[in-house]
Amino acid sequence: MAKGKKKVKLTKGEDLLENPQAIADQLNKTELFLEQNRKMVLIVGGAIAAVVGLYFLTTIIHLPEMTRRRRSFFRRSIISRQIVSTRR
């Protein structure tokens, strides 16, 4: 891909946005990296997606149980406050 093209050296203080050839070179480098490491990128991306998916799945599965525990905790705290207030 980038074999026949000249590399553009950026002078000090020159921004990538000011030089379109520098942007093209950077995109070519990125494209070459992705072509060479396609399998590793897919494995890492899939692993990240799997971890995020499992987190949301366990949250959805345990949500009713967590809600039930919160409700029972608040009920017990309200009952204990009523008991303490009647003893005074």
PDB file of N, CA and C in Angstrom:
ATOM      1  N   MET A   1       0.807  -1.192   0.000  1.00  0.00           N
ATOM      2  CA  MET A   1       0.000   0.000   0.000  1.00  0.00           C
ATOM      3  C   MET A   1       0.859   1.268   0.000  1.00  0.00           C
ATOM      4  N   ALA A   2       1.707   1.412   0.994  1.00  0.00           N
ATOM      5  CA  ALA A   2       2.470   2.638   1.142  1.00  0.00           C
ATOM      6  C   ALA A   2       3.870   2.509   0.559  1.00  0.00           C
ATOM      7  N   LYS A   3       4.131   1.506  -0.279  1.00  0.00           N
ATOM      8  CA  LYS A   3       5.479   1.257  -0.762  1.00  0.00           C
ATOM      9  C   LYS A   3       5.944   2.304  -1.757  1.00  0.00           C
ATOM     10  N   GLY A   4       5.125   2.715  -2.687  1.00  0.00           N
ATOM     11  CA  GLY A   4       5.549   3.634  -3.735  1.00  0.00           C
ATOM     12  C   GLY A   4       5.376   5.098  -3.384  1.00  0.00           C
ATOM     13  N   LYS A   5       4.883   5.407  -2.214  1.00  0.00           N
ATOM     14  CA  LYS A   5       4.595   6.796  -1.858  1.00  0.00           C
ATOM     15  C   LYS A   5       5.728   7.392  -1.050  1.00  0.00           C
ATOM     16  N   LYS A   6       5.888   8.688  -1.187  1.00  0.00           N
ATOM     17  CA  LYS A   6       6.875   9.412  -0.404  1.00  0.00           C
ATOM     18  C   LYS A   6       6.366   9.637   1.005  1.00  0.00           C
ATOM     19  N   LYS A   7       7.260   9.546   1.955  1.00  0.00           N
ATOM     20  CA  LYS A   7       6.888   9.885   3.319  1.00  0.00           C
ATOM     21  C   LYS A   7       7.071  11.379   3.507  1.00  0.00           C
ATOM     22  N   VAL A   8       6.106  11.990   4.135  1.00  0.00           N
ATOM     23  CA  VAL A   8       6.172  13.422   4.372  1.00  0.00           C
ATOM     24  C   VAL A   8       6.614  13.626   5.815  1.00  0.00           C
ATOM     25  N   LYS A   9       7.692  14.342   5.965  1.00  0.00           N
ATOM     26  CA  LYS A   9       8.172  14.678   7.307  1.00  0.00           C
ATOM     27  C   LYS A   9       7.531  15.995   7.724  1.00  0.00           C
ATOM     28  N   LEU A  10       6.960  16.001   8.901  1.00  0.00           N
ATOM     29  CA  LEU A  10       6.354  17.225   9.415  1.00  0.00           C
ATOM     30  C   LEU A  10       7.433  18.102  10.013  1.00  0.00           C
ATOM     31  N   THR A  11       7.390  19.367   9.659  1.00  0.00           N
ATOM     32  CA  THR A  11       8.325  20.296  10.283  1.00  0.00           C
ATOM     33  C   THR A  11       7.833  20.609  11.677  1.00  0.00           C
ATOM     34  N   LYS A  12       8.714  21.151  12.466  1.00  0.00           N
ATOM     35  CA  LYS A  12       8.368  21.446  13.851  1.00  0.00           C
ATOM     36  C   LYS A  12       7.199  22.424  13.897  1.00  0.00           C
ATOM     37  N   GLY A  13       6.177  22.063  14.620  1.00  0.00           N
ATOM     38  CA  GLY A  13       5.017  22.940  14.780  1.00  0.00           C
ATOM     39  C   GLY A  13       3.949  22.733  13.717  1.00  0.00           C
ATOM     40  N   GLU A  14       4.221  21.920  12.687  1.00  0.00           N
ATOM     41  CA  GLU A  14       3.212  21.697  11.650  1.00  0.00           C
ATOM     42  C   GLU A  14       2.212  20.655  12.146  1.00  0.00           C
ATOM     43  N   ASP A  15       0.957  20.947  11.991  1.00  0.00           N
ATOM     44  CA  ASP A  15      -0.103  20.073  12.478  1.00  0.00           C
ATOM     45  C   ASP A  15      -0.527  19.099  11.388  1.00  0.00           C
ATOM     46  N   LEU A  16      -1.038  17.948  11.784  1.00  0.00           N
ATOM     47  CA  LEU A  16      -1.528  16.968  10.822  1.00  0.00           C
ATOM     48  C   LEU A  16      -2.660  17.533   9.965  1.00  0.00           C
ATOM     49  N   LEU A  17      -3.458  18.389  10.545  1.00  0.00           N
ATOM     50  CA  LEU A  17      -4.597  18.936   9.809  1.00  0.00           C
ATOM     51  C   LEU A  17      -4.172  19.908   8.724  1.00  0.00           C
ATOM     52  N   GLU A  18      -2.985  20.461   8.838  1.00  0.00           N
ATOM     53  CA  GLU A  18      -2.517  21.416   7.844  1.00  0.00           C
ATOM     54  C   GLU A  18      -1.955  20.722   6.611  1.00  0.00           C
ATOM     55  N   ASN A  19      -1.601  19.454   6.718  1.00  0.00           N
ATOM     56  CA  ASN A  19      -0.970  18.757   5.617  1.00  0.00           C
ATOM     57  C   ASN A  19      -1.785  17.511   5.262  1.00  0.00           C
ATOM     58  N   PRO A  20      -2.499  17.526   4.148  1.00  0.00           N
ATOM     59  CA  PRO A  20      -3.340  16.381   3.784  1.00  0.00           C
ATOM     60  C   PRO A  20      -2.523  15.108   3.519  1.00  0.00           C
ATOM     61  N   GLN A  21      -1.305  15.256   3.020  1.00  0.00           N
ATOM     62  CA  GLN A  21      -0.475  14.076   2.756  1.00  0.00           C
ATOM     63  C   GLN A  21      -0.084  13.388   4.058  1.00  0.00           C
ATOM     64  N   ALA A  22       0.107  14.148   5.123  1.00  0.00           N
ATOM     65  CA  ALA A  22       0.428  13.569   6.422  1.00  0.00           C
ATOM     66  C   ALA A  22      -0.754  12.754   6.950  1.00  0.00           C
ATOM     67  N   ILE A  23      -1.953  13.255   6.727  1.00  0.00           N
ATOM     68  CA  ILE A  23      -3.152  12.516   7.140  1.00  0.00           C
ATOM     69  C   ILE A  23      -3.247  11.214   6.357  1.00  0.00           C
ATOM     70  N   ALA A  24      -2.980  11.267   5.053  1.00  0.00           N
ATOM     71  CA  ALA A  24      -3.040  10.065   4.233  1.00  0.00           C
ATOM     72  C   ALA A  24      -1.992   9.044   4.681  1.00  0.00           C
ATOM     73  N   ASP A  25      -0.796   9.517   4.998  1.00  0.00           N
ATOM     74  CA  ASP A  25       0.253   8.612   5.488  1.00  0.00           C
ATOM     75  C   ASP A  25      -0.164   7.957   6.796  1.00  0.00           C
ATOM     76  N   GLN A  26      -0.750   8.727   7.682  1.00  0.00           N
ATOM     77  CA  GLN A  26      -1.179   8.192   8.974  1.00  0.00           C
ATOM     78  C   GLN A  26      -2.281   7.158   8.787  1.00  0.00           C
ATOM     79  N   LEU A  27      -3.208   7.411   7.883  1.00  0.00           N
ATOM     80  CA  LEU A  27      -4.273   6.443   7.606  1.00  0.00           C
ATOM     81  C   LEU A  27      -3.705   5.175   6.977  1.00  0.00           C
ATOM     82  N   ASN A  28      -2.710   5.319   6.122  1.00  0.00           N
ATOM     83  CA  ASN A  28      -2.074   4.149   5.519  1.00  0.00           C
ATOM     84  C   ASN A  28      -1.378   3.302   6.571  1.00  0.00           C
ATOM     85  N   LYS A  29      -0.727   3.949   7.528  1.00  0.00           N
ATOM     86  CA  LYS A  29      -0.075   3.213   8.615  1.00  0.00           C
ATOM     87  C   LYS A  29      -1.099   2.446   9.442  1.00  0.00           C
ATOM     88  N   THR A  30      -2.213   3.101   9.727  1.00  0.00           N
ATOM     89  CA  THR A  30      -3.270   2.459  10.509  1.00  0.00           C
ATOM     90  C   THR A  30      -3.860   1.281   9.746  1.00  0.00           C
ATOM     91  N   GLU A  31      -4.103   1.475   8.465  1.00  0.00           N
ATOM     92  CA  GLU A  31      -4.655   0.415   7.632  1.00  0.00           C
ATOM     93  C   GLU A  31      -3.688  -0.772   7.553  1.00  0.00           C
ATOM     94  N   LEU A  32      -2.424  -0.504   7.415  1.00  0.00           N
ATOM     95  CA  LEU A  32      -1.416  -1.555   7.357  1.00  0.00           C
ATOM     96  C   LEU A  32      -1.354  -2.325   8.685  1.00  0.00           C
ATOM     97  N   PHE A  33      -1.424  -1.591   9.795  1.00  0.00           N
ATOM     98  CA  PHE A  33      -1.415  -2.231  11.111  1.00  0.00           C
ATOM     99  C   PHE A  33      -2.610  -3.167  11.265  1.00  0.00           C
ATOM    100  N   LEU A  34      -3.787  -2.686  10.867  1.00  0.00           N
ATOM    101  CA  LEU A  34      -4.998  -3.502  10.995  1.00  0.00           C
ATOM    102  C   LEU A  34      -4.950  -4.727  10.089  1.00  0.00           C
ATOM    103  N   GLU A  35      -4.356  -4.591   8.903  1.00  0.00           N
ATOM    104  CA  GLU A  35      -4.228  -5.738   8.013  1.00  0.00           C
ATOM    105  C   GLU A  35      -3.278  -6.779   8.591  1.00  0.00           C
ATOM    106  N   GLN A  36      -2.189  -6.327   9.171  1.00  0.00           N
ATOM    107  CA  GLN A  36      -1.196  -7.251   9.711  1.00  0.00           C
ATOM    108  C   GLN A  36      -1.658  -7.909  11.003  1.00  0.00           C
ATOM    109  N   ASN A  37      -2.437  -7.215  11.796  1.00  0.00           N
ATOM    110  CA  ASN A  37      -2.841  -7.707  13.110  1.00  0.00           C
ATOM    111  C   ASN A  37      -4.345  -7.929  13.204  1.00  0.00           C
ATOM    112  N   ARG A  38      -4.956  -8.305  12.110  1.00  0.00           N
ATOM    113  CA  ARG A  38      -6.407  -8.433  12.067  1.00  0.00           C
ATOM    114  C   ARG A  38      -6.924  -9.442  13.089  1.00  0.00           C
ATOM    115  N   LYS A  39      -6.282 -10.589  13.174  1.00  0.00           N
ATOM    116  CA  LYS A  39      -6.746 -11.634  14.070  1.00  0.00           C
ATOM    117  C   LYS A  39      -6.684 -11.177  15.531  1.00  0.00           C
ATOM    118  N   MET A  40      -5.578 -10.532  15.915  1.00  0.00           N
ATOM    119  CA  MET A  40      -5.418 -10.075  17.295  1.00  0.00           C
ATOM    120  C   MET A  40      -6.432  -8.971  17.632  1.00  0.00           C
ATOM    121  N   VAL A  41      -6.650  -8.073  16.681  1.00  0.00           N
ATOM    122  CA  VAL A  41      -7.625  -6.994  16.910  1.00  0.00           C
ATOM    123  C   VAL A  41      -9.019  -7.578  17.104  1.00  0.00           C
ATOM    124  N   LEU A  42      -9.365  -8.579  16.303  1.00  0.00           N
ATOM    125  CA  LEU A  42     -10.686  -9.217  16.441  1.00  0.00           C
ATOM    126  C   LEU A  42     -10.814  -9.953  17.773  1.00  0.00           C
ATOM    127  N   ILE A  43      -9.741 -10.628  18.196  1.00  0.00           N
ATOM    128  CA  ILE A  43      -9.783 -11.356  19.468  1.00  0.00           C
ATOM    129  C   ILE A  43      -9.952 -10.389  20.630  1.00  0.00           C
ATOM    130  N   VAL A  44      -9.160  -9.319  20.638  1.00  0.00           N
ATOM    131  CA  VAL A  44      -9.235  -8.342  21.738  1.00  0.00           C
ATOM    132  C   VAL A  44     -10.591  -7.636  21.732  1.00  0.00           C
ATOM    133  N   GLY A  45     -11.060  -7.241  20.554  1.00  0.00           N
ATOM    134  CA  GLY A  45     -12.372  -6.587  20.461  1.00  0.00           C
ATOM    135  C   GLY A  45     -13.500  -7.509  20.897  1.00  0.00           C
ATOM    136  N   GLY A  46     -13.419  -8.766  20.499  1.00  0.00           N
ATOM    137  CA  GLY A  46     -14.437  -9.741  20.906  1.00  0.00           C
ATOM    138  C   GLY A  46     -14.417  -9.989  22.398  1.00  0.00           C
ATOM    139  N   ALA A  47     -13.219 -10.035  22.976  1.00  0.00           N
ATOM    140  CA  ALA A  47     -13.114 -10.241  24.426  1.00  0.00           C
ATOM    141  C   ALA A  47     -13.724  -9.067  25.191  1.00  0.00           C
ATOM    142  N   ILE A  48     -13.443  -7.868  24.729  1.00  0.00           N
ATOM    143  CA  ILE A  48     -14.015  -6.682  25.387  1.00  0.00           C
ATOM    144  C   ILE A  48     -15.540  -6.691  25.258  1.00  0.00           C
ATOM    145  N   ALA A  49     -16.036  -7.013  24.075  1.00  0.00           N
ATOM    146  CA  ALA A  49     -17.493  -7.067  23.876  1.00  0.00           C
ATOM    147  C   ALA A  49     -18.124  -8.156  24.740  1.00  0.00           C
ATOM    148  N   ALA A  50     -17.435  -9.289  24.886  1.00  0.00           N
ATOM    149  CA  ALA A  50     -17.963 -10.376  25.719  1.00  0.00           C
ATOM    150  C   ALA A  50     -18.028  -9.976  27.184  1.00  0.00           C
ATOM    151  N   VAL A  51     -17.006  -9.298  27.671  1.00  0.00           N
ATOM    152  CA  VAL A  51     -16.995  -8.869  29.073  1.00  0.00           C
ATOM    153  C   VAL A  51     -18.116  -7.865  29.333  1.00  0.00           C
ATOM    154  N   VAL A  52     -18.270  -6.892  28.443  1.00  0.00           N
ATOM    155  CA  VAL A  52     -19.339  -5.903  28.607  1.00  0.00           C
ATOM    156  C   VAL A  52     -20.709  -6.571  28.528  1.00  0.00           C
ATOM    157  N   GLY A  53     -20.871  -7.499  27.597  1.00  0.00           N
ATOM    158  CA  GLY A  53     -22.140  -8.211  27.470  1.00  0.00           C
ATOM    159  C   GLY A  53     -22.463  -9.050  28.695  1.00  0.00           C
ATOM    160  N   LEU A  54     -21.463  -9.743  29.225  1.00  0.00           N
ATOM    161  CA  LEU A  54     -21.687 -10.538  30.441  1.00  0.00           C
ATOM    162  C   LEU A  54     -22.037  -9.663  31.634  1.00  0.00           C
ATOM    163  N   TYR A  55     -21.410  -8.508  31.731  1.00  0.00           N
ATOM    164  CA  TYR A  55     -21.736  -7.595  32.838  1.00  0.00           C
ATOM    165  C   TYR A  55     -23.209  -7.185  32.775  1.00  0.00           C
ATOM    166  N   PHE A  56     -23.649  -6.756  31.593  1.00  0.00           N
ATOM    167  CA  PHE A  56     -25.038  -6.333  31.474  1.00  0.00           C
ATOM    168  C   PHE A  56     -26.003  -7.508  31.653  1.00  0.00           C
ATOM    169  N   LEU A  57     -25.627  -8.673  31.193  1.00  0.00           N
ATOM    170  CA  LEU A  57     -26.476  -9.851  31.356  1.00  0.00           C
ATOM    171  C   LEU A  57     -26.644 -10.205  32.828  1.00  0.00           C
ATOM    172  N   THR A  58     -25.542 -10.212  33.583  1.00  0.00           N
ATOM    173  CA  THR A  58     -25.657 -10.527  35.008  1.00  0.00           C
ATOM    174  C   THR A  58     -26.423  -9.441  35.757  1.00  0.00           C
ATOM    175  N   THR A  59     -26.272  -8.205  35.329  1.00  0.00           N
ATOM    176  CA  THR A  59     -27.025  -7.122  35.966  1.00  0.00           C
ATOM    177  C   THR A  59     -28.520  -7.302  35.725  1.00  0.00           C
ATOM    178  N   ILE A  60     -28.890  -7.655  34.515  1.00  0.00           N
ATOM    179  CA  ILE A  60     -30.308  -7.847  34.198  1.00  0.00           C
ATOM    180  C   ILE A  60     -30.866  -9.052  34.950  1.00  0.00           C
ATOM    181  N   ILE A  61     -30.079 -10.121  35.061  1.00  0.00           N
ATOM    182  CA  ILE A  61     -30.545 -11.324  35.749  1.00  0.00           C
ATOM    183  C   ILE A  61     -30.709 -11.069  37.243  1.00  0.00           C
ATOM    184  N   HIS A  62     -29.774 -10.350  37.850  1.00  0.00           N
ATOM    185  CA  HIS A  62     -29.804 -10.139  39.297  1.00  0.00           C
ATOM    186  C   HIS A  62     -30.594  -8.895  39.716  1.00  0.00           C
ATOM    187  N   LEU A  63     -31.093  -8.132  38.782  1.00  0.00           N
ATOM    188  CA  LEU A  63     -31.822  -6.911  39.118  1.00  0.00           C
ATOM    189  C   LEU A  63     -33.059  -7.170  39.976  1.00  0.00           C
ATOM    190  N   PRO A  64     -33.918  -8.145  39.665  1.00  0.00           N
ATOM    191  CA  PRO A  64     -35.083  -8.377  40.535  1.00  0.00           C
ATOM    192  C   PRO A  64     -34.681  -8.774  41.959  1.00  0.00           C
ATOM    193  N   GLU A  65     -33.605  -9.572  42.076  1.00  0.00           N
ATOM    194  CA  GLU A  65     -33.157  -9.981  43.405  1.00  0.00           C
ATOM    195  C   GLU A  65     -32.623  -8.776  44.201  1.00  0.00           C
ATOM    196  N   MET A  66     -31.870  -7.909  43.519  1.00  0.00           N
ATOM    197  CA  MET A  66     -31.334  -6.729  44.206  1.00  0.00           C
ATOM    198  C   MET A  66     -32.463  -5.798  44.627  1.00  0.00           C
ATOM    199  N   THR A  67     -33.471  -5.654  43.781  1.00  0.00           N
ATOM    200  CA  THR A  67     -34.608  -4.798  44.111  1.00  0.00           C
ATOM    201  C   THR A  67     -35.365  -5.363  45.311  1.00  0.00           C
ATOM    202  N   ARG A  68     -35.557  -6.675  45.320  1.00  0.00           N
ATOM    203  CA  ARG A  68     -36.255  -7.312  46.437  1.00  0.00           C
ATOM    204  C   ARG A  68     -35.470  -7.120  47.736  1.00  0.00           C
ATOM    205  N   ARG A  69     -34.165  -7.264  47.688  1.00  0.00           N
ATOM    206  CA  ARG A  69     -33.354  -7.084  48.894  1.00  0.00           C
ATOM    207  C   ARG A  69     -33.408  -5.648  49.399  1.00  0.00           C
ATOM    208  N   ARG A  70     -33.382  -4.687  48.467  1.00  0.00           N
ATOM    209  CA  ARG A  70     -33.472  -3.280  48.889  1.00  0.00           C
ATOM    210  C   ARG A  70     -34.801  -3.002  49.569  1.00  0.00           C
ATOM    211  N   ARG A  71     -35.879  -3.510  48.976  1.00  0.00           N
ATOM    212  CA  ARG A  71     -37.201  -3.278  49.559  1.00  0.00           C
ATOM    213  C   ARG A  71     -37.298  -3.878  50.950  1.00  0.00           C
ATOM    214  N   SER A  72     -36.792  -5.104  51.116  1.00  0.00           N
ATOM    215  CA  SER A  72     -36.877  -5.733  52.432  1.00  0.00           C
ATOM    216  C   SER A  72     -35.999  -5.000  53.439  1.00  0.00           C
ATOM    217  N   PHE A  73     -34.850  -4.480  52.981  1.00  0.00           N
ATOM    218  CA  PHE A  73     -33.990  -3.714  53.878  1.00  0.00           C
ATOM    219  C   PHE A  73     -34.708  -2.456  54.362  1.00  0.00           C
ATOM    220  N   PHE A  74     -35.321  -1.730  53.442  1.00  0.00           N
ATOM    221  CA  PHE A  74     -36.023  -0.515  53.832  1.00  0.00           C
ATOM    222  C   PHE A  74     -37.233  -0.814  54.713  1.00  0.00           C
ATOM    223  N   ARG A  75     -37.926  -1.902  54.431  1.00  0.00           N
ATOM    224  CA  ARG A  75     -39.058  -2.275  55.287  1.00  0.00           C
ATOM    225  C   ARG A  75     -38.582  -2.557  56.704  1.00  0.00           C
ATOM    226  N   ARG A  76     -37.464  -3.320  56.812  1.00  0.00           N
ATOM    227  CA  ARG A  76     -36.934  -3.625  58.144  1.00  0.00           C
ATOM    228  C   ARG A  76     -36.466  -2.364  58.856  1.00  0.00           C
ATOM    229  N   SER A  77     -35.858  -1.430  58.118  1.00  0.00           N
ATOM    230  CA  SER A  77     -35.395  -0.207  58.768  1.00  0.00           C
ATOM    231  C   SER A  77     -36.574   0.645  59.233  1.00  0.00           C
ATOM    232  N   ILE A  78     -37.647   0.683  58.452  1.00  0.00           N
ATOM    233  CA  ILE A  78     -38.837   1.435  58.850  1.00  0.00           C
ATOM    234  C   ILE A  78     -39.474   0.789  60.074  1.00  0.00           C
ATOM    235  N   ILE A  79     -39.577  -0.535  60.078  1.00  0.00           N
ATOM    236  CA  ILE A  79     -40.167  -1.242  61.217  1.00  0.00           C
ATOM    237  C   ILE A  79     -39.323  -1.019  62.469  1.00  0.00           C
ATOM    238  N   SER A  80     -37.984  -1.091  62.323  1.00  0.00           N
ATOM    239  CA  SER A  80     -37.131  -0.891  63.499  1.00  0.00           C
ATOM    240  C   SER A  80     -37.236   0.548  64.010  1.00  0.00           C
ATOM    241  N   ARG A  81     -37.410   1.516  63.133  1.00  0.00           N
ATOM    242  CA  ARG A  81     -37.591   2.906  63.582  1.00  0.00           C
ATOM    243  C   ARG A  81     -38.903   3.055  64.332  1.00  0.00           C
ATOM    244  N   GLN A  82     -39.952   2.380  63.840  1.00  0.00           N
ATOM    245  CA  GLN A  82     -41.246   2.462  64.516  1.00  0.00           C
ATOM    246  C   GLN A  82     -41.163   1.820  65.899  1.00  0.00           C
ATOM    247  N   ILE A  83     -40.452   0.714  66.008  1.00  0.00           N
ATOM    248  CA  ILE A  83     -40.316   0.030  67.290  1.00  0.00           C
ATOM    249  C   ILE A  83     -39.547   0.901  68.259  1.00  0.00           C
ATOM    250  N   VAL A  84     -38.458   1.518  67.784  1.00  0.00           N
ATOM    251  CA  VAL A  84     -37.638   2.373  68.655  1.00  0.00           C
ATOM    252  C   VAL A  84     -38.434   3.595  69.081  1.00  0.00           C
ATOM    253  N   SER A  85     -39.217   4.167  68.168  1.00  0.00           N
ATOM    254  CA  SER A  85     -39.969   5.363  68.526  1.00  0.00           C
ATOM    255  C   SER A  85     -41.097   5.062  69.507  1.00  0.00           C
ATOM    256  N   THR A  86     -41.672   3.868  69.472  1.00  0.00           N
ATOM    257  CA  THR A  86     -42.724   3.528  70.429  1.00  0.00           C
ATOM    258  C   THR A  86     -42.152   3.204  71.813  1.00  0.00           C
ATOM    259  N   ARG A  87     -40.924   2.798  71.899  1.00  0.00           N
ATOM    260  CA  ARG A  87     -40.314   2.480  73.200  1.00  0.00           C
ATOM    261  C   ARG A  87     -39.913   3.728  73.951  1.00  0.00           C
ATOM    262  N   ARG A  88     -39.756   4.824  73.295  1.00  0.00           N
ATOM    263  CA  ARG A  88     -39.314   6.055  73.976  1.00  0.00           C
ATOM    264  C   ARG A  88     -40.399   6.696  74.709  1.00  0.00           C
TER     265      ARG A  88
END
